[in-house]
C-alpha atoms as a PDB file:
ATOM      1  CA  MET A   1      62.854  48.565  58.303  1.00  0.00           C
ATOM      2  CA  ASN A   2      62.803  52.276  57.954  1.00  0.00           C
ATOM      3  CA  LYS A   3      65.584  54.143  59.237  1.00  0.00           C
ATOM      4  CA  PHE A   4      63.397  56.066  61.635  1.00  0.00           C
ATOM      5  CA  ASP A   5      61.408  54.221  64.312  1.00  0.00           C
ATOM      6  CA  TYR A   6      57.797  55.555  64.743  1.00  0.00           C
ATOM      7  CA  ASN A   7      54.263  54.193  65.332  1.00  0.00           C
ATOM      8  CA  GLN A   8      52.378  53.203  62.175  1.00  0.00           C
ATOM      9  CA  PRO A   9      48.934  54.841  62.017  1.00  0.00           C
ATOM     10  CA  ASN A  10      45.938  52.493  62.416  1.00  0.00           C
ATOM     11  CA  THR A  11      43.863  53.822  59.548  1.00  0.00           C
ATOM     12  CA  ARG A  12      41.010  51.275  59.757  1.00  0.00           C
ATOM     13  CA  GLU A  13      40.331  51.864  63.420  1.00  0.00           C
ATOM     14  CA  ARG A  14      40.324  55.620  62.916  1.00  0.00           C
ATOM     15  CA  VAL A  15      37.782  55.385  60.073  1.00  0.00           C
ATOM     16  CA  ALA A  16      35.514  53.131  62.146  1.00  0.00           C
ATOM     17  CA  ALA A  17      35.735  55.470  65.127  1.00  0.00           C
ATOM     18  CA  ARG A  18      34.791  58.480  62.988  1.00  0.00           C
ATOM     19  CA  ARG A  19      31.757  56.674  61.512  1.00  0.00           C
ATOM     20  CA  LYS A  20      30.551  55.671  64.938  1.00  0.00           C
ATOM     21  CA  ALA A  21      30.929  59.202  66.210  1.00  0.00           C
ATOM     22  CA  SER A  22      28.960  60.573  63.248  1.00  0.00           C
ATOM     23  CA  GLN A  23      25.921  58.262  63.891  1.00  0.00           C
ATOM     24  CA  PRO A  24      23.104  59.705  66.124  1.00  0.00           C
ATOM     25  CA  LYS A  25      23.024  58.353  69.573  1.00  0.00           C
ATOM     26  CA  ARG A  26      20.093  56.065  70.424  1.00  0.00           C
ATOM     27  CA  ARG A  27      17.890  57.114  73.220  1.00  0.00           C
ATOM     28  CA  GLN A  28      17.839  54.755  76.112  1.00  0.00           C
ATOM     29  CA  GLY A  29      14.366  53.325  77.007  1.00  0.00           C
ATOM     30  CA  SER A  30      12.706  55.023  79.888  1.00  0.00           C
ATOM     31  CA  LEU A  31      12.435  53.017  83.041  1.00  0.00           C
ATOM     32  CA  VAL A  32       9.409  55.011  84.221  1.00  0.00           C
ATOM     33  CA  LEU A  33       6.034  53.052  84.053  1.00  0.00           C
ATOM     34  CA  PRO A  34       3.001  54.830  82.484  1.00  0.00           C
ATOM     35  CA  GLY A  35       0.170  55.912  84.762  1.00  0.00           C
ATOM     36  CA  PRO A  36      -3.155  54.028  85.055  1.00  0.00           C
ATOM     37  CA  ARG A  37      -5.036  56.453  82.811  1.00  0.00           C
ATOM     38  CA  ARG A  38      -2.419  56.276  80.115  1.00  0.00           C
ATOM     39  CA  ALA A  39      -2.301  52.455  80.364  1.00  0.00           C
ATOM     40  CA  ALA A  40      -6.118  52.216  80.150  1.00  0.00           C
ATOM     41  CA  GLY A  41      -6.168  54.542  77.189  1.00  0.00           C
ATOM     42  CA  ALA A  42      -3.546  52.472  75.414  1.00  0.00           C
ATOM     43  CA  LEU A  43      -5.490  49.281  76.093  1.00  0.00           C
ATOM     44  CA  LEU A  44      -8.710  50.778  74.735  1.00  0.00           C
ATOM     45  CA  ALA A  45      -6.921  52.122  71.721  1.00  0.00           C
ATOM     46  CA  SER A  46      -5.600  48.640  70.932  1.00  0.00           C
ATOM     47  CA  GLY A  47      -9.168  47.231  70.631  1.00  0.00           C
ATOM     48  CA  ARG A  48      -8.527  44.298  72.934  1.00  0.00           C
ATOM     49  CA  VAL A  49     -11.159  45.276  75.480  1.00  0.00           C
ATOM     50  CA  ILE A  50     -13.871  45.583  72.843  1.00  0.00           C
ATOM     51  CA  SER A  51     -12.859  42.225  71.388  1.00  0.00           C
ATOM     52  CA  PHE A  52     -13.141  40.545  74.794  1.00  0.00           C
ATOM     53  CA  VAL A  53     -16.511  42.160  75.474  1.00  0.00           C
ATOM     54  CA  LEU A  54     -17.889  41.089  72.100  1.00  0.00           C
ATOM     55  CA  PHE A  55     -16.540  37.563  72.552  1.00  0.00           C
ATOM     56  CA  PHE A  56     -18.157  37.034  75.950  1.00  0.00           C
ATOM     57  CA  ALA A  57     -21.392  38.657  74.790  1.00  0.00           C
ATOM     58  CA  ALA A  58     -21.528  36.276  71.824  1.00  0.00           C
ATOM     59  CA  MET A  59     -20.838  33.267  74.036  1.00  0.00           C
ATOM     60  CA  GLY A  60     -23.537  34.375  76.450  1.00  0.00           C
ATOM     61  CA  GLY A  61     -25.995  34.833  73.619  1.00  0.00           C
ATOM     62  CA  LEU A  62     -25.273  31.377  72.224  1.00  0.00           C
ATOM     63  CA  LEU A  63     -25.609  29.831  75.657  1.00  0.00           C
ATOM     64  CA  TYR A  64     -28.991  31.522  76.083  1.00  0.00           C
ATOM     65  CA  ILE A  65     -30.227  30.429  72.658  1.00  0.00           C
ATOM     66  CA  PHE A  66     -29.259  26.793  73.218  1.00  0.00           C
ATOM     67  CA  THR A  67     -30.636  26.559  76.764  1.00  0.00           C
ATOM     68  CA  ALA A  68     -33.552  29.003  76.934  1.00  0.00           C
ATOM     69  CA  PRO A  69     -36.999  27.386  77.372  1.00  0.00           C
ATOM     70  CA  ALA A  70     -38.305  29.681  74.628  1.00  0.00           C
ATOM     71  CA  PHE A  71     -36.306  27.659  72.083  1.00  0.00           C
ATOM     72  CA  ALA A  72     -37.608  24.252  73.182  1.00  0.00           C
ATOM     73  CA  VAL A  73     -40.358  22.362  71.367  1.00  0.00           C
ATOM     74  CA  HIS A  74     -43.545  23.553  73.034  1.00  0.00           C
ATOM     75  CA  ASP A  75     -45.947  23.448  70.077  1.00  0.00           C
ATOM     76  CA  VAL A  76     -46.452  20.306  67.951  1.00  0.00           C
ATOM     77  CA  ARG A  77     -48.572  20.541  64.821  1.00  0.00           C
ATOM     78  CA  VAL A  78     -49.780  17.428  62.969  1.00  0.00           C
ATOM     79  CA  GLU A  79     -50.754  17.575  59.310  1.00  0.00           C
ATOM     80  CA  GLY A  80     -52.402  14.861  57.215  1.00  0.00           C
ATOM     81  CA  ALA A  81     -53.628  12.572  60.002  1.00  0.00           C
ATOM     82  CA  GLN A  82     -57.165  11.267  59.538  1.00  0.00           C
ATOM     83  CA  VAL A  83     -57.397   7.801  61.007  1.00  0.00           C
ATOM     84  CA  LEU A  84     -54.577   8.451  63.461  1.00  0.00           C
ATOM     85  CA  LYS A  85     -55.214  10.999  66.191  1.00  0.00           C
ATOM     86  CA  SER A  86     -52.888  14.001  66.459  1.00  0.00           C
ATOM     87  CA  GLU A  87     -52.007  12.966  70.007  1.00  0.00           C
ATOM     88  CA  GLU A  88     -50.891   9.550  68.770  1.00  0.00           C
ATOM     89  CA  VAL A  89     -48.629  11.086  66.103  1.00  0.00           C
ATOM     90  CA  GLU A  90     -47.123  13.479  68.650  1.00  0.00           C
ATOM     91  CA  GLN A  91     -46.508  10.621  71.065  1.00  0.00           C
ATOM     92  CA  MET A  92     -44.679   8.650  68.367  1.00  0.00           C
ATOM     93  CA  ALA A  93     -42.416  11.654  67.647  1.00  0.00           C
ATOM     94  CA  ASP A  94     -41.614  12.088  71.364  1.00  0.00           C
ATOM     95  CA  ALA A  95     -39.959  15.489  70.881  1.00  0.00           C
ATOM     96  CA  ARG A  96     -41.881  17.868  73.143  1.00  0.00           C
ATOM     97  CA  GLY A  97     -39.537  19.754  75.463  1.00  0.00           C
ATOM     98  CA  GLN A  98     -36.403  19.116  73.415  1.00  0.00           C
ATOM     99  CA  SER A  99     -34.231  22.012  72.233  1.00  0.00           C
ATOM    100  CA  ILE A 100     -35.137  22.795  68.635  1.00  0.00           C
ATOM    101  CA  TRP A 101     -31.416  22.941  67.811  1.00  0.00           C
ATOM    102  CA  PHE A 102     -30.984  19.284  68.726  1.00  0.00           C
ATOM    103  CA  VAL A 103     -34.204  17.807  67.325  1.00  0.00           C
ATOM    104  CA  ASP A 104     -33.307  15.026  64.874  1.00  0.00           C
ATOM    105  CA  THR A 105     -36.037  15.319  62.244  1.00  0.00           C
ATOM    106  CA  ASP A 106     -34.716  12.329  60.301  1.00  0.00           C
ATOM    107  CA  ALA A 107     -35.010  10.105  63.363  1.00  0.00           C
ATOM    108  CA  ILE A 108     -38.525  11.414  64.019  1.00  0.00           C
ATOM    109  CA  THR A 109     -39.511  10.619  60.422  1.00  0.00           C
ATOM    110  CA  GLU A 110     -38.312   7.035  60.842  1.00  0.00           C
ATOM    111  CA  LYS A 111     -40.285   6.715  64.082  1.00  0.00           C
ATOM    112  CA  LEU A 112     -43.474   7.842  62.360  1.00  0.00           C
ATOM    113  CA  LYS A 113     -42.952   5.389  59.482  1.00  0.00           C
ATOM    114  CA  GLN A 114     -42.870   2.513  61.955  1.00  0.00           C
ATOM    115  CA  SER A 115     -46.628   2.920  62.326  1.00  0.00           C
ATOM    116  CA  ALA A 116     -48.586   0.683  59.982  1.00  0.00           C
ATOM    117  CA  TYR A 117     -50.899   3.596  59.216  1.00  0.00           C
ATOM    118  CA  VAL A 118     -48.101   5.880  57.954  1.00  0.00           C
ATOM    119  CA  GLU A 119     -46.894   5.510  54.371  1.00  0.00           C
ATOM    120  CA  GLN A 120     -44.861   8.748  54.138  1.00  0.00           C
ATOM    121  CA  ALA A 121     -43.754  11.175  56.844  1.00  0.00           C
ATOM    122  CA  GLY A 122     -41.772  14.357  57.362  1.00  0.00           C
ATOM    123  CA  ALA A 123     -40.819  16.719  60.180  1.00  0.00           C
ATOM    124  CA  TYR A 124     -39.384  20.224  60.466  1.00  0.00           C
ATOM    125  CA  VAL A 125     -38.932  22.884  63.158  1.00  0.00           C
ATOM    126  CA  THR A 126     -39.626  26.623  63.079  1.00  0.00           C
ATOM    127  CA  LEU A 127     -38.675  29.348  65.517  1.00  0.00           C
ATOM    128  CA  PRO A 128     -39.097  29.804  68.337  1.00  0.00           C
ATOM    129  CA  GLY A 129     -40.353  26.324  69.316  1.00  0.00           C
ATOM    130  CA  THR A 130     -42.731  24.693  66.846  1.00  0.00           C
ATOM    131  CA  LEU A 131     -42.377  21.165  65.468  1.00  0.00           C
ATOM    132  CA  THR A 132     -44.524  20.284  62.458  1.00  0.00           C
ATOM    133  CA  LEU A 133     -45.208  16.605  61.712  1.00  0.00           C
ATOM    134  CA  GLN A 134     -46.517  15.649  58.283  1.00  0.00           C
ATOM    135  CA  VAL A 135     -47.968  12.198  57.648  1.00  0.00           C
ATOM    136  CA  GLN A 136     -49.494  10.525  54.631  1.00  0.00           C
ATOM    137  CA  GLU A 137     -51.622   7.664  55.819  1.00  0.00           C
ATOM    138  CA  ARG A 138     -52.263   4.408  54.068  1.00  0.00           C
ATOM    139  CA  ARG A 139     -55.864   4.319  52.977  1.00  0.00           C
ATOM    140  CA  PRO A 140     -57.952   1.657  54.734  1.00  0.00           C
ATOM    141  CA  GLU A 141     -59.794  -0.234  52.001  1.00  0.00           C
ATOM    142  CA  LEU A 142     -61.767  -2.704  54.082  1.00  0.00           C
ATOM    143  CA  ARG A 143     -62.151  -4.466  57.384  1.00  0.00           C
ATOM    144  CA  TRP A 144     -60.695  -7.914  57.937  1.00  0.00           C
ATOM    145  CA  GLN A 145     -62.595  -9.646  60.719  1.00  0.00           C
ATOM    146  CA  VAL A 146     -61.064 -12.349  62.901  1.00  0.00           C
ATOM    147  CA  GLY A 147     -63.539 -13.658  65.440  1.00  0.00           C
ATOM    148  CA  GLY A 148     -65.035 -10.594  67.127  1.00  0.00           C
ATOM    149  CA  THR A 149     -62.171  -8.275  66.170  1.00  0.00           C
ATOM    150  CA  ARG A 150     -62.095  -6.169  63.042  1.00  0.00           C
ATOM    151  CA  TYR A 151     -58.858  -4.860  61.579  1.00  0.00           C
ATOM    152  CA  LEU A 152     -58.353  -2.050  59.114  1.00  0.00           C
ATOM    153  CA  VAL A 153     -56.497  -3.264  56.010  1.00  0.00           C
ATOM    154  CA  ASP A 154     -55.127  -1.274  53.076  1.00  0.00           C
ATOM    155  CA  ALA A 155     -55.206  -2.236  49.399  1.00  0.00           C
ATOM    156  CA  SER A 156     -51.893  -4.106  49.561  1.00  0.00           C
ATOM    157  CA  GLY A 157     -53.074  -6.384  52.378  1.00  0.00           C
ATOM    158  CA  ARG A 158     -51.188  -4.614  55.176  1.00  0.00           C
ATOM    159  CA  VAL A 159     -52.924  -4.726  58.549  1.00  0.00           C
ATOM    160  CA  LEU A 160     -53.093  -1.190  59.900  1.00  0.00           C
ATOM    161  CA  GLY A 161     -54.571  -1.896  63.295  1.00  0.00           C
ATOM    162  CA  ILE A 162     -57.764  -2.686  65.161  1.00  0.00           C
ATOM    163  CA  ASP A 163     -60.770  -0.805  63.840  1.00  0.00           C
ATOM    164  CA  SER A 164     -61.560   1.547  66.714  1.00  0.00           C
ATOM    165  CA  THR A 165     -63.096   4.302  64.578  1.00  0.00           C
ATOM    166  CA  ALA A 166     -66.502   4.844  63.059  1.00  0.00           C
ATOM    167  CA  THR A 167     -65.234   6.678  59.963  1.00  0.00           C
ATOM    168  CA  LEU A 168     -65.481   3.656  57.649  1.00  0.00           C
ATOM    169  CA  THR A 169     -68.921   2.338  58.456  1.00  0.00           C
ATOM    170  CA  ASP A 170     -69.558   1.399  54.804  1.00  0.00           C
ATOM    171  CA  ALA A 171     -66.239  -0.375  54.311  1.00  0.00           C
ATOM    172  CA  LEU A 172     -66.201  -3.911  52.990  1.00  0.00           C
ATOM    173  CA  VAL A 173     -65.818  -6.640  55.625  1.00  0.00           C
ATOM    174  CA  ILE A 174     -64.140  -9.975  54.908  1.00  0.00           C
ATOM    175  CA  SER A 175     -64.482 -12.577  57.619  1.00  0.00           C
ATOM    176  CA  ASP A 176     -61.316 -14.619  58.207  1.00  0.00           C
ATOM    177  CA  GLN A 177     -62.483 -18.043  59.354  1.00  0.00           C
ATOM    178  CA  SER A 178     -58.980 -19.233  60.167  1.00  0.00           C
ATOM    179  CA  ASN A 179     -59.007 -17.197  63.416  1.00  0.00           C
ATOM    180  CA  ARG A 180     -55.382 -16.214  62.915  1.00  0.00           C
ATOM    181  CA  ALA A 181     -54.272 -13.522  65.372  1.00  0.00           C
ATOM    182  CA  LEU A 182     -53.035 -10.384  63.609  1.00  0.00           C
ATOM    183  CA  GLN A 183     -50.732  -7.529  64.514  1.00  0.00           C
ATOM    184  CA  PRO A 184     -50.142  -4.157  62.815  1.00  0.00           C
ATOM    185  CA  ASN A 185     -47.956  -4.534  59.695  1.00  0.00           C
ATOM    186  CA  ASP A 186     -48.971  -8.198  59.241  1.00  0.00           C
ATOM    187  CA  ARG A 187     -50.158  -9.166  55.768  1.00  0.00           C
ATOM    188  CA  VAL A 188     -53.366 -10.819  54.650  1.00  0.00           C
ATOM    189  CA  ASP A 189     -54.096 -12.439  51.281  1.00  0.00           C
ATOM    190  CA  ALA A 190     -53.963  -9.567  48.764  1.00  0.00           C
ATOM    191  CA  ASP A 191     -55.753 -11.679  46.135  1.00  0.00           C
ATOM    192  CA  ALA A 192     -58.602 -12.195  48.589  1.00  0.00           C
ATOM    193  CA  LEU A 193     -58.915  -8.437  48.998  1.00  0.00           C
ATOM    194  CA  THR A 194     -59.076  -7.889  45.246  1.00  0.00           C
ATOM    195  CA  LEU A 195     -61.597 -10.668  44.704  1.00  0.00           C
ATOM    196  CA  GLY A 196     -63.701  -9.610  47.674  1.00  0.00           C
ATOM    197  CA  ARG A 197     -63.936  -6.013  46.423  1.00  0.00           C
ATOM    198  CA  THR A 198     -64.796  -7.202  42.897  1.00  0.00           C
ATOM    199  CA  LEU A 199     -67.531  -9.565  44.037  1.00  0.00           C
ATOM    200  CA  SER A 200     -69.048  -6.973  46.365  1.00  0.00           C
ATOM    201  CA  LEU A 201     -69.592  -4.762  43.299  1.00  0.00           C
ATOM    202  CA  ARG A 202     -70.335  -7.220  40.474  1.00  0.00           C
ATOM    203  CA  LEU A 203     -72.605  -9.734  42.168  1.00  0.00           C
ATOM    204  CA  PRO A 204     -75.250  -7.162  43.181  1.00  0.00           C
ATOM    205  CA  GLY A 205     -74.786  -5.014  40.088  1.00  0.00           C
ATOM    206  CA  GLU A 206     -74.600  -7.669  37.369  1.00  0.00           C
ATOM    207  CA  LEU A 207     -76.344 -10.737  38.786  1.00  0.00           C
ATOM    208  CA  GLY A 208     -78.696  -9.231  41.351  1.00  0.00           C
ATOM    209  CA  ILE A 209     -77.227 -11.289  44.201  1.00  0.00           C
ATOM    210  CA  GLN A 210     -77.318  -9.546  47.566  1.00  0.00           C
ATOM    211  CA  LEU A 211     -74.490 -10.569  49.870  1.00  0.00           C
ATOM    212  CA  ALA A 212     -74.815 -11.297  53.560  1.00  0.00           C
ATOM    213  CA  THR A 213     -71.114 -12.036  54.203  1.00  0.00           C
ATOM    214  CA  ILE A 214     -67.831 -12.482  52.360  1.00  0.00           C
ATOM    215  CA  ASN A 215     -65.625 -15.132  53.957  1.00  0.00           C
ATOM    216  CA  TRP A 216     -62.045 -16.325  53.552  1.00  0.00           C
ATOM    217  CA  ASN A 217     -60.023 -19.262  54.761  1.00  0.00           C
ATOM    218  CA  ILE A 218     -56.699 -20.670  53.674  1.00  0.00           C
ATOM    219  CA  THR A 219     -58.112 -23.830  52.041  1.00  0.00           C
ATOM    220  CA  GLU A 220     -61.149 -22.494  50.197  1.00  0.00           C
ATOM    221  CA  GLY A 221     -60.142 -18.909  49.554  1.00  0.00           C
ATOM    222  CA  ILE A 222     -63.028 -16.459  49.073  1.00  0.00           C
ATOM    223  CA  SER A 223     -66.624 -17.575  49.468  1.00  0.00           C
ATOM    224  CA  VAL A 224     -69.830 -15.588  49.788  1.00  0.00           C
ATOM    225  CA  VAL A 225     -73.097 -16.186  51.592  1.00  0.00           C
ATOM    226  CA  THR A 226     -76.141 -14.616  49.966  1.00  0.00           C
ATOM    227  CA  ASN A 227     -79.067 -13.047  51.747  1.00  0.00           C
ATOM    228  CA  ASP A 228     -81.173 -16.138  50.956  1.00  0.00           C
ATOM    229  CA  GLY A 229     -78.614 -18.447  52.582  1.00  0.00           C
ATOM    230  CA  ARG A 230     -76.729 -19.874  49.570  1.00  0.00           C
ATOM    231  CA  THR A 231     -72.984 -20.438  49.815  1.00  0.00           C
ATOM    232  CA  ILE A 232     -70.848 -19.859  46.705  1.00  0.00           C
ATOM    233  CA  ILE A 233     -67.103 -20.616  46.709  1.00  0.00           C
ATOM    234  CA  PHE A 234     -64.952 -18.625  44.279  1.00  0.00           C
ATOM    235  CA  GLY A 235     -61.502 -19.510  45.666  1.00  0.00           C
ATOM    236  CA  LYS A 236     -59.064 -17.147  43.970  1.00  0.00           C
ATOM    237  CA  SER A 237     -59.500 -14.487  41.305  1.00  0.00           C
ATOM    238  CA  ASP A 238     -58.270 -16.711  38.466  1.00  0.00           C
ATOM    239  CA  ARG A 239     -60.862 -17.561  35.773  1.00  0.00           C
ATOM    240  CA  LEU A 240     -63.263 -15.105  37.359  1.00  0.00           C
ATOM    241  CA  GLU A 241     -65.161 -14.434  34.147  1.00  0.00           C
ATOM    242  CA  ASP A 242     -65.790 -18.160  33.629  1.00  0.00           C
ATOM    243  CA  LYS A 243     -67.004 -18.518  37.199  1.00  0.00           C
ATOM    244  CA  LEU A 244     -69.415 -15.637  36.842  1.00  0.00           C
ATOM    245  CA  MET A 245     -70.693 -17.080  33.558  1.00  0.00           C
ATOM    246  CA  VAL A 246     -71.473 -20.433  35.222  1.00  0.00           C
ATOM    247  CA  LEU A 247     -73.202 -18.714  38.122  1.00  0.00           C
ATOM    248  CA  ASN A 248     -75.261 -16.573  35.770  1.00  0.00           C
ATOM    249  CA  ALA A 249     -76.331 -19.674  33.776  1.00  0.00           C
ATOM    250  CA  LEU A 250     -77.487 -21.483  36.939  1.00  0.00           C
ATOM    251  CA  LEU A 251     -79.493 -18.489  38.054  1.00  0.00           C
ATOM    252  CA  HIS A 252     -81.231 -18.073  34.699  1.00  0.00           C
ATOM    253  CA  ASP A 253     -82.092 -21.723  34.013  1.00  0.00           C
ATOM    254  CA  GLY A 254     -83.852 -22.092  37.341  1.00  0.00           C
ATOM    255  CA  THR A 255     -81.358 -24.488  38.940  1.00  0.00           C
ATOM    256  CA  THR A 256     -81.853 -24.622  42.688  1.00  0.00           C
ATOM    257  CA  PHE A 257     -78.819 -24.932  44.923  1.00  0.00           C
ATOM    258  CA  THR A 258     -77.716 -24.046  48.397  1.00  0.00           C
ATOM    259  CA  PHE A 259     -74.020 -24.762  47.845  1.00  0.00           C
ATOM    260  CA  LEU A 260     -71.924 -24.052  44.751  1.00  0.00           C
ATOM    261  CA  ASP A 261     -68.164 -24.576  44.320  1.00  0.00           C
ATOM    262  CA  LEU A 262     -66.883 -22.691  41.257  1.00  0.00           C
ATOM    263  CA  ARG A 263     -63.225 -23.609  41.707  1.00  0.00           C
ATOM    264  CA  PRO A 264     -63.143 -26.838  39.638  1.00  0.00           C
ATOM    265  CA  THR A 265     -63.310 -26.770  35.861  1.00  0.00           C
ATOM    266  CA  GLN A 266     -66.491 -28.855  36.323  1.00  0.00           C
ATOM    267  CA  PRO A 267     -68.275 -26.801  39.019  1.00  0.00           C
ATOM    268  CA  TYR A 268     -69.992 -28.689  41.818  1.00  0.00           C
ATOM    269  CA  TYR A 269     -73.296 -27.760  43.402  1.00  0.00           C
ATOM    270  CA  ARG A 270     -75.962 -29.306  45.596  1.00  0.00           C
ATOM    271  CA  ASP A 271     -79.306 -28.477  47.103  1.00  0.00           C
ATOM    272  CA  GLU A 272     -79.250 -29.319  50.788  1.00  0.00           C
ATOM    273  CA  HIS A 273     -83.032 -28.997  51.021  1.00  0.00           C
ATOM    274  CA  LYS A 274     -83.470 -32.161  48.963  1.00  0.00           C
ATOM    275  CA  LYS A 275     -83.385 -35.583  50.602  1.00  0.00           C
ATOM    276  CA  THR A 276     -80.674 -36.913  48.302  1.00  0.00           C
ATOM    277  CA  ASP A 277     -77.463 -35.276  47.267  1.00  0.00           C
ATOM    278  CA  GLU A 278     -77.079 -34.448  43.613  1.00  0.00           C
ATOM    279  CA  THR A 279     -73.925 -33.284  41.886  1.00  0.00           C
ATOM    280  CA  PRO A 280     -74.815 -32.529  38.283  1.00  0.00           C
ATOM    281  CA  THR A 281     -72.600 -30.384  36.140  1.00  0.00           C
ATOM    282  CA  PRO A 282     -74.338 -27.150  35.116  1.00  0.00           C
ATOM    283  CA  GLN A 283     -74.630 -26.380  31.417  1.00  0.00           C
ATOM    284  CA  GLN A 284     -72.430 -23.467  30.387  1.00  0.00           C
END
């Protein structure tokens, strides 16, 4: 120890005290609340009010658009329908009154394709409330008659529906003698359709045979009845050229017959006006 007893200076504390004294004093926050005008001005300046107004205006606008009657389907336009009536197509779509924002055009297209008449379909909406339905119909090629009912049938043999129109008055009619009840989208013998169409053109044009009826049944296939009462069975469309050649030979050599079956390789014919049945084989 030093000889003299005195207090040692606290140098670190003194330096810290001087630094603290040299720093500017912080102002204490005011406890006074701002006035209403100043508070409103600050709120407007922050942009919060405008953001809230725009938000609620947008929500109100969306609510109006999605619920307003002006944006519901009130006009339905049908394009491409000929056999089908526009009212029938609209009824199948079943979309009138729906909000255009929720109309499922894909589902509507599938509904339209369920009709036997419709081969292709499409649907789209336009503002403010129009639904356009586009259909491509299967083309009715002929009438298939069962009893007293005639059905429209396309080239593939698909039954389209009962013939309730007068637009196909010259269409070919094939009489189904099996009396099988038919429904739309059922199928009939496509080969019978092809053969029936061919015979309706070639028999009058090439052989001078005028047809009264074209018939079909499941056992005999296609047969025709001529205007003079002769029945000729063709069966199916196989060997058609040979069958026509035999028929042409019989007509030109003066052979009389009321019934002719061209299905066998050795065709069979008879004349029912004679007292005895004869079954000679015609010369080819």
